[in-house]
N, C-alpha and C. Protein backbone atom coordinates (compact mmCIF):
# COMPACT_ATOMS: atom_id res chain seq x y z
N MET A 1 41.26 95.49 108.36
CA MET A 1 41.77 94.14 108.33
C MET A 1 42.52 93.85 109.64
N GLN A 2 42.19 92.75 110.25
CA GLN A 2 42.81 92.33 111.50
C GLN A 2 44.17 91.67 111.23
N PRO A 3 45.15 91.94 112.09
CA PRO A 3 46.45 91.26 111.92
C PRO A 3 46.31 89.76 112.20
N ASP A 4 47.16 89.00 111.55
CA ASP A 4 47.19 87.56 111.74
C ASP A 4 47.55 87.27 113.20
N PRO A 5 46.67 86.60 113.97
CA PRO A 5 46.94 86.38 115.39
C PRO A 5 48.17 85.51 115.65
N PHE A 6 48.43 84.55 114.78
CA PHE A 6 49.60 83.69 114.97
C PHE A 6 50.89 84.49 114.82
N ARG A 7 50.98 85.28 113.75
CA ARG A 7 52.18 86.12 113.56
C ARG A 7 52.30 87.16 114.66
N LEU A 8 51.17 87.69 115.12
CA LEU A 8 51.21 88.68 116.20
C LEU A 8 51.78 88.05 117.47
N ARG A 9 51.34 86.84 117.80
CA ARG A 9 51.84 86.16 119.00
C ARG A 9 53.34 85.84 118.87
N LEU A 10 53.74 85.34 117.70
CA LEU A 10 55.16 85.02 117.52
C LEU A 10 56.03 86.29 117.56
N SER A 11 55.52 87.37 117.01
CA SER A 11 56.25 88.64 117.03
C SER A 11 56.44 89.10 118.47
N ALA A 12 55.36 89.04 119.24
CA ALA A 12 55.44 89.44 120.65
C ALA A 12 56.38 88.52 121.43
N LEU A 13 56.33 87.23 121.13
CA LEU A 13 57.22 86.27 121.80
C LEU A 13 58.68 86.59 121.50
N MET A 14 58.98 86.94 120.25
CA MET A 14 60.37 87.29 119.91
C MET A 14 60.83 88.54 120.66
N GLY A 15 59.94 89.52 120.82
CA GLY A 15 60.28 90.71 121.60
C GLY A 15 60.50 90.38 123.06
N PHE A 16 59.59 89.58 123.63
CA PHE A 16 59.71 89.16 125.01
C PHE A 16 61.03 88.42 125.24
N LEU A 17 61.33 87.46 124.36
CA LEU A 17 62.57 86.69 124.50
C LEU A 17 63.81 87.57 124.39
N ALA A 18 63.77 88.57 123.51
CA ALA A 18 64.92 89.47 123.37
C ALA A 18 65.19 90.19 124.69
N VAL A 19 64.14 90.68 125.32
CA VAL A 19 64.30 91.38 126.59
C VAL A 19 64.75 90.41 127.69
N ALA A 20 64.10 89.25 127.77
CA ALA A 20 64.44 88.27 128.80
C ALA A 20 65.87 87.76 128.64
N LEU A 21 66.26 87.44 127.41
CA LEU A 21 67.62 86.94 127.19
C LEU A 21 68.65 88.05 127.37
N GLY A 22 68.30 89.26 126.98
CA GLY A 22 69.20 90.38 127.22
C GLY A 22 69.44 90.60 128.70
N ALA A 23 68.37 90.53 129.49
CA ALA A 23 68.50 90.72 130.93
C ALA A 23 69.29 89.58 131.57
N SER A 24 69.04 88.35 131.12
CA SER A 24 69.77 87.22 131.72
C SER A 24 71.24 87.26 131.36
N GLY A 25 71.56 87.80 130.20
CA GLY A 25 72.96 87.92 129.83
C GLY A 25 73.67 89.09 130.51
N ALA A 26 72.88 90.00 131.06
CA ALA A 26 73.47 91.18 131.71
C ALA A 26 73.62 91.01 133.22
N HIS A 27 72.92 90.03 133.80
CA HIS A 27 72.91 89.87 135.26
C HIS A 27 72.89 88.40 135.64
N GLY A 28 73.41 88.10 136.79
CA GLY A 28 73.24 86.78 137.39
C GLY A 28 74.10 85.69 136.82
N PRO A 29 73.65 84.43 137.02
CA PRO A 29 74.48 83.28 136.67
C PRO A 29 74.77 83.14 135.18
N VAL A 30 73.82 83.49 134.33
CA VAL A 30 74.08 83.39 132.88
C VAL A 30 75.18 84.38 132.51
N HIS A 31 75.08 85.60 133.02
CA HIS A 31 76.12 86.61 132.77
C HIS A 31 77.48 86.10 133.23
N ASP A 32 77.53 85.55 134.44
CA ASP A 32 78.79 85.06 134.99
C ASP A 32 79.38 83.95 134.12
N LYS A 33 78.53 83.04 133.65
CA LYS A 33 79.00 81.95 132.79
C LYS A 33 79.54 82.50 131.48
N LEU A 34 78.83 83.45 130.88
CA LEU A 34 79.27 84.04 129.60
C LEU A 34 80.59 84.77 129.75
N VAL A 35 80.75 85.52 130.83
CA VAL A 35 82.00 86.25 131.07
C VAL A 35 83.14 85.26 131.27
N ALA A 36 82.92 84.22 132.06
CA ALA A 36 83.96 83.22 132.31
C ALA A 36 84.39 82.53 131.03
N ALA A 37 83.45 82.31 130.12
CA ALA A 37 83.76 81.63 128.86
C ALA A 37 84.25 82.60 127.78
N GLY A 38 84.23 83.90 128.07
CA GLY A 38 84.62 84.89 127.08
C GLY A 38 83.62 85.01 125.94
N GLU A 39 82.35 84.74 126.21
CA GLU A 39 81.32 84.70 125.17
C GLU A 39 80.25 85.79 125.30
N LEU A 40 80.45 86.74 126.20
CA LEU A 40 79.44 87.77 126.41
C LEU A 40 79.18 88.58 125.14
N ALA A 41 80.20 88.84 124.35
CA ALA A 41 80.02 89.64 123.12
C ALA A 41 79.09 88.94 122.14
N HIS A 42 79.19 87.61 122.02
CA HIS A 42 78.28 86.88 121.12
C HIS A 42 76.84 87.02 121.60
N TRP A 43 76.63 86.89 122.90
CA TRP A 43 75.30 87.01 123.48
C TRP A 43 74.73 88.40 123.21
N GLU A 44 75.55 89.42 123.44
CA GLU A 44 75.10 90.80 123.23
C GLU A 44 74.77 91.06 121.76
N THR A 45 75.55 90.50 120.86
CA THR A 45 75.25 90.65 119.43
C THR A 45 73.91 90.02 119.10
N ALA A 46 73.65 88.85 119.66
CA ALA A 46 72.37 88.17 119.42
C ALA A 46 71.20 89.05 119.86
N VAL A 47 71.32 89.63 121.05
CA VAL A 47 70.25 90.50 121.56
C VAL A 47 70.11 91.75 120.69
N GLN A 48 71.25 92.34 120.28
CA GLN A 48 71.22 93.56 119.48
C GLN A 48 70.55 93.36 118.13
N TYR A 49 70.59 92.17 117.60
CA TYR A 49 69.90 91.87 116.35
C TYR A 49 68.46 91.42 116.59
N GLN A 50 68.22 90.68 117.66
CA GLN A 50 66.89 90.15 117.88
C GLN A 50 65.87 91.24 118.20
N LEU A 51 66.20 92.15 119.09
CA LEU A 51 65.19 93.10 119.54
C LEU A 51 64.67 94.01 118.42
N PRO A 52 65.52 94.66 117.64
CA PRO A 52 64.95 95.51 116.58
C PRO A 52 64.21 94.70 115.51
N HIS A 53 64.68 93.48 115.25
CA HIS A 53 63.98 92.68 114.25
C HIS A 53 62.65 92.15 114.79
N ALA A 54 62.54 91.99 116.10
CA ALA A 54 61.25 91.64 116.70
C ALA A 54 60.25 92.79 116.51
N VAL A 55 60.74 94.02 116.63
CA VAL A 55 59.88 95.19 116.38
C VAL A 55 59.44 95.21 114.92
N VAL A 56 60.36 94.89 114.02
CA VAL A 56 60.01 94.82 112.60
C VAL A 56 58.95 93.74 112.37
N LEU A 57 59.10 92.59 113.03
CA LEU A 57 58.08 91.54 112.91
C LEU A 57 56.71 92.08 113.31
N LEU A 58 56.67 92.78 114.43
CA LEU A 58 55.41 93.33 114.90
C LEU A 58 54.82 94.32 113.90
N LEU A 59 55.65 95.22 113.40
CA LEU A 59 55.17 96.21 112.43
C LEU A 59 54.66 95.54 111.15
N LEU A 60 55.41 94.57 110.67
CA LEU A 60 54.96 93.86 109.46
C LEU A 60 53.65 93.12 109.71
N THR A 61 53.50 92.56 110.88
CA THR A 61 52.25 91.87 111.21
C THR A 61 51.08 92.84 111.14
N LEU A 62 51.30 94.06 111.61
CA LEU A 62 50.23 95.04 111.65
C LEU A 62 49.89 95.63 110.28
N VAL A 63 50.88 95.66 109.36
CA VAL A 63 50.63 96.31 108.06
C VAL A 63 50.56 95.35 106.88
N ALA A 64 51.03 94.13 107.04
CA ALA A 64 51.17 93.23 105.89
C ALA A 64 49.84 92.75 105.33
N GLY A 65 48.88 92.50 106.21
CA GLY A 65 47.66 91.87 105.74
C GLY A 65 48.01 90.55 105.07
N ASN A 66 47.51 90.34 103.87
CA ASN A 66 47.84 89.13 103.11
C ASN A 66 48.73 89.44 101.92
N LYS A 67 49.42 90.58 101.95
CA LYS A 67 50.32 90.94 100.86
C LYS A 67 51.49 89.96 100.85
N PRO A 68 51.58 89.11 99.83
CA PRO A 68 52.56 88.02 99.84
C PRO A 68 54.00 88.46 100.08
N VAL A 69 54.43 89.56 99.47
CA VAL A 69 55.83 89.96 99.63
C VAL A 69 56.13 90.31 101.08
N LEU A 70 55.16 90.92 101.78
CA LEU A 70 55.39 91.26 103.19
C LEU A 70 55.26 90.05 104.10
N VAL A 71 54.40 89.12 103.73
CA VAL A 71 54.32 87.87 104.50
C VAL A 71 55.64 87.11 104.39
N TRP A 72 56.20 87.08 103.18
CA TRP A 72 57.51 86.41 103.01
C TRP A 72 58.61 87.17 103.75
N ALA A 73 58.55 88.49 103.73
CA ALA A 73 59.53 89.28 104.49
C ALA A 73 59.43 88.92 105.96
N TRP A 74 58.20 88.82 106.50
CA TRP A 74 58.00 88.46 107.90
C TRP A 74 58.64 87.10 108.19
N ARG A 75 58.36 86.15 107.31
CA ARG A 75 58.90 84.79 107.51
C ARG A 75 60.42 84.80 107.53
N LEU A 76 61.01 85.59 106.64
CA LEU A 76 62.48 85.63 106.58
C LEU A 76 63.08 86.39 107.75
N PHE A 77 62.41 87.43 108.23
CA PHE A 77 62.88 88.10 109.45
C PHE A 77 62.83 87.14 110.63
N PHE A 78 61.74 86.38 110.73
CA PHE A 78 61.61 85.40 111.81
C PHE A 78 62.72 84.34 111.70
N THR A 79 62.92 83.84 110.49
CA THR A 79 63.99 82.86 110.26
C THR A 79 65.35 83.46 110.62
N GLY A 80 65.56 84.71 110.27
CA GLY A 80 66.81 85.38 110.61
C GLY A 80 67.04 85.43 112.10
N ILE A 81 65.99 85.74 112.86
CA ILE A 81 66.13 85.77 114.32
C ILE A 81 66.51 84.40 114.84
N VAL A 82 65.80 83.37 114.37
CA VAL A 82 66.07 82.01 114.85
C VAL A 82 67.49 81.57 114.50
N LEU A 83 67.87 81.77 113.23
CA LEU A 83 69.19 81.29 112.79
C LEU A 83 70.33 82.18 113.29
N PHE A 84 70.19 83.50 113.16
CA PHE A 84 71.29 84.39 113.54
C PHE A 84 71.39 84.50 115.06
N SER A 85 70.36 85.04 115.68
CA SER A 85 70.42 85.23 117.13
C SER A 85 70.42 83.89 117.86
N GLY A 86 69.58 82.98 117.42
CA GLY A 86 69.51 81.68 118.08
C GLY A 86 70.83 80.94 118.08
N SER A 87 71.51 80.93 116.94
CA SER A 87 72.80 80.23 116.88
C SER A 87 73.83 80.92 117.77
N LEU A 88 73.78 82.25 117.84
CA LEU A 88 74.73 82.96 118.71
C LEU A 88 74.45 82.70 120.19
N TYR A 89 73.17 82.64 120.57
CA TYR A 89 72.84 82.31 121.97
C TYR A 89 73.38 80.94 122.35
N VAL A 90 73.12 79.96 121.48
CA VAL A 90 73.56 78.59 121.79
C VAL A 90 75.08 78.51 121.77
N LEU A 91 75.71 79.15 120.79
CA LEU A 91 77.17 79.16 120.72
C LEU A 91 77.76 79.78 121.98
N ALA A 92 77.21 80.93 122.40
CA ALA A 92 77.74 81.62 123.57
C ALA A 92 77.55 80.80 124.84
N TYR A 93 76.40 80.18 125.00
CA TYR A 93 76.10 79.48 126.25
C TYR A 93 76.75 78.10 126.33
N THR A 94 76.84 77.42 125.18
CA THR A 94 77.35 76.04 125.22
C THR A 94 78.78 75.90 124.68
N GLY A 95 79.23 76.90 123.92
CA GLY A 95 80.55 76.80 123.31
C GLY A 95 80.56 75.93 122.06
N THR A 96 79.40 75.59 121.53
CA THR A 96 79.29 74.75 120.34
C THR A 96 79.70 75.57 119.12
N LYS A 97 80.95 75.43 118.72
CA LYS A 97 81.53 76.31 117.69
C LYS A 97 80.97 76.09 116.29
N TRP A 98 80.52 74.89 115.94
CA TRP A 98 80.03 74.66 114.58
C TRP A 98 78.80 75.51 114.27
N LEU A 99 78.13 76.00 115.30
CA LEU A 99 76.97 76.85 115.06
C LEU A 99 77.35 78.17 114.40
N GLY A 100 78.62 78.53 114.47
CA GLY A 100 79.08 79.72 113.78
C GLY A 100 78.83 79.64 112.28
N ALA A 101 78.71 78.42 111.75
CA ALA A 101 78.43 78.25 110.32
C ALA A 101 76.96 78.52 110.00
N VAL A 102 76.09 78.46 110.98
CA VAL A 102 74.66 78.71 110.79
C VAL A 102 74.35 80.21 110.82
N THR A 103 75.10 80.94 111.62
CA THR A 103 74.83 82.36 111.83
C THR A 103 74.73 83.16 110.53
N PRO A 104 75.64 83.00 109.56
CA PRO A 104 75.51 83.77 108.32
C PRO A 104 74.22 83.50 107.55
N LEU A 105 73.66 82.30 107.69
CA LEU A 105 72.38 82.02 107.03
C LEU A 105 71.27 82.90 107.60
N GLY A 106 71.35 83.16 108.89
CA GLY A 106 70.41 84.08 109.51
C GLY A 106 70.61 85.50 109.01
N GLY A 107 71.87 85.90 108.87
CA GLY A 107 72.15 87.22 108.32
C GLY A 107 71.65 87.36 106.90
N LEU A 108 71.80 86.32 106.11
CA LEU A 108 71.29 86.32 104.74
C LEU A 108 69.76 86.43 104.74
N SER A 109 69.11 85.73 105.65
CA SER A 109 67.66 85.83 105.77
C SER A 109 67.23 87.25 106.09
N PHE A 110 67.96 87.90 107.01
CA PHE A 110 67.66 89.30 107.32
C PHE A 110 67.78 90.18 106.07
N MET A 111 68.86 90.00 105.33
CA MET A 111 69.10 90.84 104.16
C MET A 111 68.02 90.65 103.10
N ILE A 112 67.65 89.40 102.84
CA ILE A 112 66.60 89.15 101.85
C ILE A 112 65.27 89.75 102.33
N ALA A 113 65.00 89.62 103.61
CA ALA A 113 63.76 90.19 104.16
C ALA A 113 63.72 91.70 103.98
N TRP A 114 64.85 92.37 104.20
CA TRP A 114 64.90 93.82 104.00
C TRP A 114 64.67 94.18 102.53
N VAL A 115 65.24 93.40 101.62
CA VAL A 115 65.02 93.65 100.19
C VAL A 115 63.54 93.46 99.84
N LEU A 116 62.93 92.40 100.34
CA LEU A 116 61.51 92.17 100.08
C LEU A 116 60.66 93.31 100.64
N THR A 117 61.02 93.80 101.80
CA THR A 117 60.29 94.92 102.39
C THR A 117 60.39 96.14 101.50
N ALA A 118 61.59 96.41 101.00
CA ALA A 118 61.77 97.54 100.09
C ALA A 118 60.99 97.33 98.80
N MET A 119 60.97 96.11 98.29
CA MET A 119 60.25 95.83 97.05
C MET A 119 58.74 96.00 97.21
N SER A 120 58.25 95.88 98.42
CA SER A 120 56.80 96.01 98.64
C SER A 120 56.32 97.42 98.34
N ALA A 121 57.22 98.38 98.31
CA ALA A 121 56.85 99.77 98.03
C ALA A 121 56.96 100.11 96.55
N LYS A 122 57.21 99.11 95.72
CA LYS A 122 57.41 99.32 94.29
C LYS A 122 56.24 100.10 93.69
N GLY A 123 56.59 101.19 93.03
CA GLY A 123 55.59 101.98 92.32
C GLY A 123 54.82 102.96 93.20
N LYS A 124 55.05 102.94 94.50
CA LYS A 124 54.34 103.86 95.38
C LYS A 124 55.12 105.15 95.49
N GLN A 125 54.40 106.25 95.54
CA GLN A 125 55.05 107.56 95.69
C GLN A 125 54.51 108.23 96.92
N ALA A 126 55.38 109.08 97.50
CA ALA A 126 54.96 109.82 98.69
C ALA A 126 53.89 110.83 98.33
N ALA A 127 52.98 111.05 99.23
CA ALA A 127 51.88 112.00 98.99
C ALA A 127 52.35 113.43 99.23
């Protein structure tokens, strides 16, 4: 079974963005702006959550097929990246504090996605 090309592209894009945003926050003008605003920690947290979850997106894309519970897990991991990491990037770069209220929704999406991933193994035993 071939992986879904749309999910594969989005998974790769999330990985690419994690590396690109991590690098921009570590060097150059973006780094300088974040340090001056005292927001570098928020940016780093966003990257620390985005990159491993992008890897999870890729793995789920490769193994999920059309298994609904794993497709939903993928969707919620993606939503978690957008809401959790995305809100932290925007908060850190712009200082828009109300976005802090969005961040926990992303964390909740991550948690539900992890539960769904665990549930996908229901009834399976190790060989």
